[in-house]
Amino acid sequence: MMDALQRRDLAEIFSQIGNVFEQVLSPGSEIFAIRDRLLTLGAGTACMSGSGSAVYGLFTQESEARAAAEELQKVYAQTWLVESV
């Protein structure tokens, strides 16, 4: 991961992101539905945060992130579009 970060290789960075706690969830968990929806909407990767309080998607294009947030807000009121620092 450090090498990918230094090279700014987003594809490699995205492929390394995951959460081992996802392994204990049932396959029908809403966490997976949200994650899969983010991926369908253009996220380079999507993952459950920590112990599952949130699901996030990482996008390379702001326009795709904005459109995904607008789409998810139709179903999930607590959807936010944020920019990393």
C-alpha atoms as a PDB file:
ATOM      1  CA  MET A   1       0.000   0.000   0.000  1.00  0.00           C
ATOM      2  CA  MET A   2       2.811   2.425   0.813  1.00  0.00           C
ATOM      3  CA  ASP A   3       4.363   1.902  -2.622  1.00  0.00           C
ATOM      4  CA  ALA A   4       0.980   2.457  -4.287  1.00  0.00           C
ATOM      5  CA  LEU A   5       0.450   5.635  -2.274  1.00  0.00           C
ATOM      6  CA  GLN A   6       3.881   6.943  -3.219  1.00  0.00           C
ATOM      7  CA  ARG A   7       3.217   6.177  -6.897  1.00  0.00           C
ATOM      8  CA  ARG A   8      -0.327   7.614  -6.627  1.00  0.00           C
ATOM      9  CA  ASP A   9      -1.555   4.410  -8.235  1.00  0.00           C
ATOM     10  CA  LEU A  10      -5.288   4.677  -7.566  1.00  0.00           C
ATOM     11  CA  ALA A  11      -6.123   1.292  -9.070  1.00  0.00           C
ATOM     12  CA  GLU A  12      -3.673  -0.432  -6.722  1.00  0.00           C
ATOM     13  CA  ILE A  13      -4.790   1.645  -3.736  1.00  0.00           C
ATOM     14  CA  PHE A  14      -8.439   0.814  -4.438  1.00  0.00           C
ATOM     15  CA  SER A  15      -7.622  -2.895  -4.732  1.00  0.00           C
ATOM     16  CA  GLN A  16      -5.991  -2.879  -1.273  1.00  0.00           C
ATOM     17  CA  ILE A  17      -8.913  -1.311   0.604  1.00  0.00           C
ATOM     18  CA  GLY A  18     -11.105  -3.666   2.593  1.00  0.00           C
ATOM     19  CA  ASN A  19     -12.565  -4.422   5.990  1.00  0.00           C
ATOM     20  CA  VAL A  20     -12.176  -7.844   7.622  1.00  0.00           C
ATOM     21  CA  PHE A  21     -15.376  -7.290   9.602  1.00  0.00           C
ATOM     22  CA  GLU A  22     -17.329  -7.666   6.352  1.00  0.00           C
ATOM     23  CA  GLN A  23     -16.490 -11.390   6.530  1.00  0.00           C
ATOM     24  CA  VAL A  24     -18.803 -11.897   9.514  1.00  0.00           C
ATOM     25  CA  LEU A  25     -21.851 -10.241   7.939  1.00  0.00           C
ATOM     26  CA  SER A  26     -24.602 -12.270   6.329  1.00  0.00           C
ATOM     27  CA  PRO A  27     -24.511 -12.120   2.526  1.00  0.00           C
ATOM     28  CA  GLY A  28     -27.856 -10.311   2.515  1.00  0.00           C
ATOM     29  CA  SER A  29     -26.631  -7.471   4.736  1.00  0.00           C
ATOM     30  CA  GLU A  30     -27.667  -3.983   3.692  1.00  0.00           C
ATOM     31  CA  ILE A  31     -23.999  -3.029   4.032  1.00  0.00           C
ATOM     32  CA  PHE A  32     -23.302  -5.061   0.878  1.00  0.00           C
ATOM     33  CA  ALA A  33     -26.285  -3.579  -0.938  1.00  0.00           C
ATOM     34  CA  ILE A  34     -25.001  -0.067  -0.270  1.00  0.00           C
ATOM     35  CA  ARG A  35     -21.432  -1.009  -1.165  1.00  0.00           C
ATOM     36  CA  ASP A  36     -22.533  -2.612  -4.422  1.00  0.00           C
ATOM     37  CA  ARG A  37     -24.707   0.393  -5.267  1.00  0.00           C
ATOM     38  CA  LEU A  38     -21.731   2.729  -4.767  1.00  0.00           C
ATOM     39  CA  LEU A  39     -19.655   0.572  -7.103  1.00  0.00           C
ATOM     40  CA  THR A  40     -22.444   0.553  -9.683  1.00  0.00           C
ATOM     41  CA  LEU A  41     -22.627   4.346  -9.422  1.00  0.00           C
ATOM     42  CA  GLY A  42     -18.937   4.686 -10.294  1.00  0.00           C
ATOM     43  CA  ALA A  43     -16.934   4.383  -7.084  1.00  0.00           C
ATOM     44  CA  GLY A  44     -13.425   3.043  -7.619  1.00  0.00           C
ATOM     45  CA  THR A  45     -13.893   1.140  -4.388  1.00  0.00           C
ATOM     46  CA  ALA A  46     -16.435   1.011  -1.586  1.00  0.00           C
ATOM     47  CA  CYS A  47     -16.174  -0.427   1.879  1.00  0.00           C
ATOM     48  CA  MET A  48     -17.738  -0.634   5.301  1.00  0.00           C
ATOM     49  CA  SER A  49     -15.997   1.676   7.759  1.00  0.00           C
ATOM     50  CA  GLY A  50     -14.705   0.393  11.073  1.00  0.00           C
ATOM     51  CA  SER A  51     -17.267  -1.905  12.671  1.00  0.00           C
ATOM     52  CA  GLY A  52     -20.015  -0.902  10.263  1.00  0.00           C
ATOM     53  CA  SER A  53     -21.312   2.501  11.262  1.00  0.00           C
ATOM     54  CA  ALA A  54     -20.965   3.718   7.679  1.00  0.00           C
ATOM     55  CA  VAL A  55     -20.263   2.652   4.123  1.00  0.00           C
ATOM     56  CA  TYR A  56     -18.116   4.872   1.939  1.00  0.00           C
ATOM     57  CA  GLY A  57     -17.157   5.030  -1.696  1.00  0.00           C
ATOM     58  CA  LEU A  58     -14.047   6.588  -3.186  1.00  0.00           C
ATOM     59  CA  PHE A  59     -14.442   8.323  -6.533  1.00  0.00           C
ATOM     60  CA  THR A  60     -11.907   9.765  -8.938  1.00  0.00           C
ATOM     61  CA  GLN A  61     -14.404  12.185 -10.498  1.00  0.00           C
ATOM     62  CA  GLU A  62     -16.307  14.723  -8.420  1.00  0.00           C
ATOM     63  CA  SER A  63     -19.210  14.689 -10.872  1.00  0.00           C
ATOM     64  CA  GLU A  64     -19.675  10.928 -10.369  1.00  0.00           C
ATOM     65  CA  ALA A  65     -19.435  11.301  -6.597  1.00  0.00           C
ATOM     66  CA  ARG A  66     -22.004  14.082  -6.633  1.00  0.00           C
ATOM     67  CA  ALA A  67     -24.397  12.065  -8.811  1.00  0.00           C
ATOM     68  CA  ALA A  68     -23.959   8.992  -6.591  1.00  0.00           C
ATOM     69  CA  ALA A  69     -24.660  11.012  -3.444  1.00  0.00           C
ATOM     70  CA  GLU A  70     -27.813  12.459  -4.997  1.00  0.00           C
ATOM     71  CA  GLU A  71     -28.985   8.986  -5.987  1.00  0.00           C
ATOM     72  CA  LEU A  72     -28.286   7.448  -2.577  1.00  0.00           C
ATOM     73  CA  GLN A  73     -29.962  10.344  -0.759  1.00  0.00           C
ATOM     74  CA  LYS A  74     -33.235   9.222  -2.319  1.00  0.00           C
ATOM     75  CA  VAL A  75     -33.087   6.069  -0.181  1.00  0.00           C
ATOM     76  CA  TYR A  76     -30.643   6.946   2.609  1.00  0.00           C
ATOM     77  CA  ALA A  77     -31.259  10.388   4.096  1.00  0.00           C
ATOM     78  CA  GLN A  78     -27.938  10.296   5.938  1.00  0.00           C
ATOM     79  CA  THR A  79     -25.806  10.371   2.801  1.00  0.00           C
ATOM     80  CA  TRP A  80     -23.038  12.953   2.558  1.00  0.00           C
ATOM     81  CA  LEU A  81     -20.665  14.032  -0.139  1.00  0.00           C
ATOM     82  CA  VAL A  82     -17.317  14.930   1.394  1.00  0.00           C
ATOM     83  CA  GLU A  83     -13.832  15.685   0.151  1.00  0.00           C
ATOM     84  CA  SER A  84     -10.762  14.146   1.716  1.00  0.00           C
ATOM     85  CA  VAL A  85      -8.107  16.427   3.137  1.00  0.00           C
END
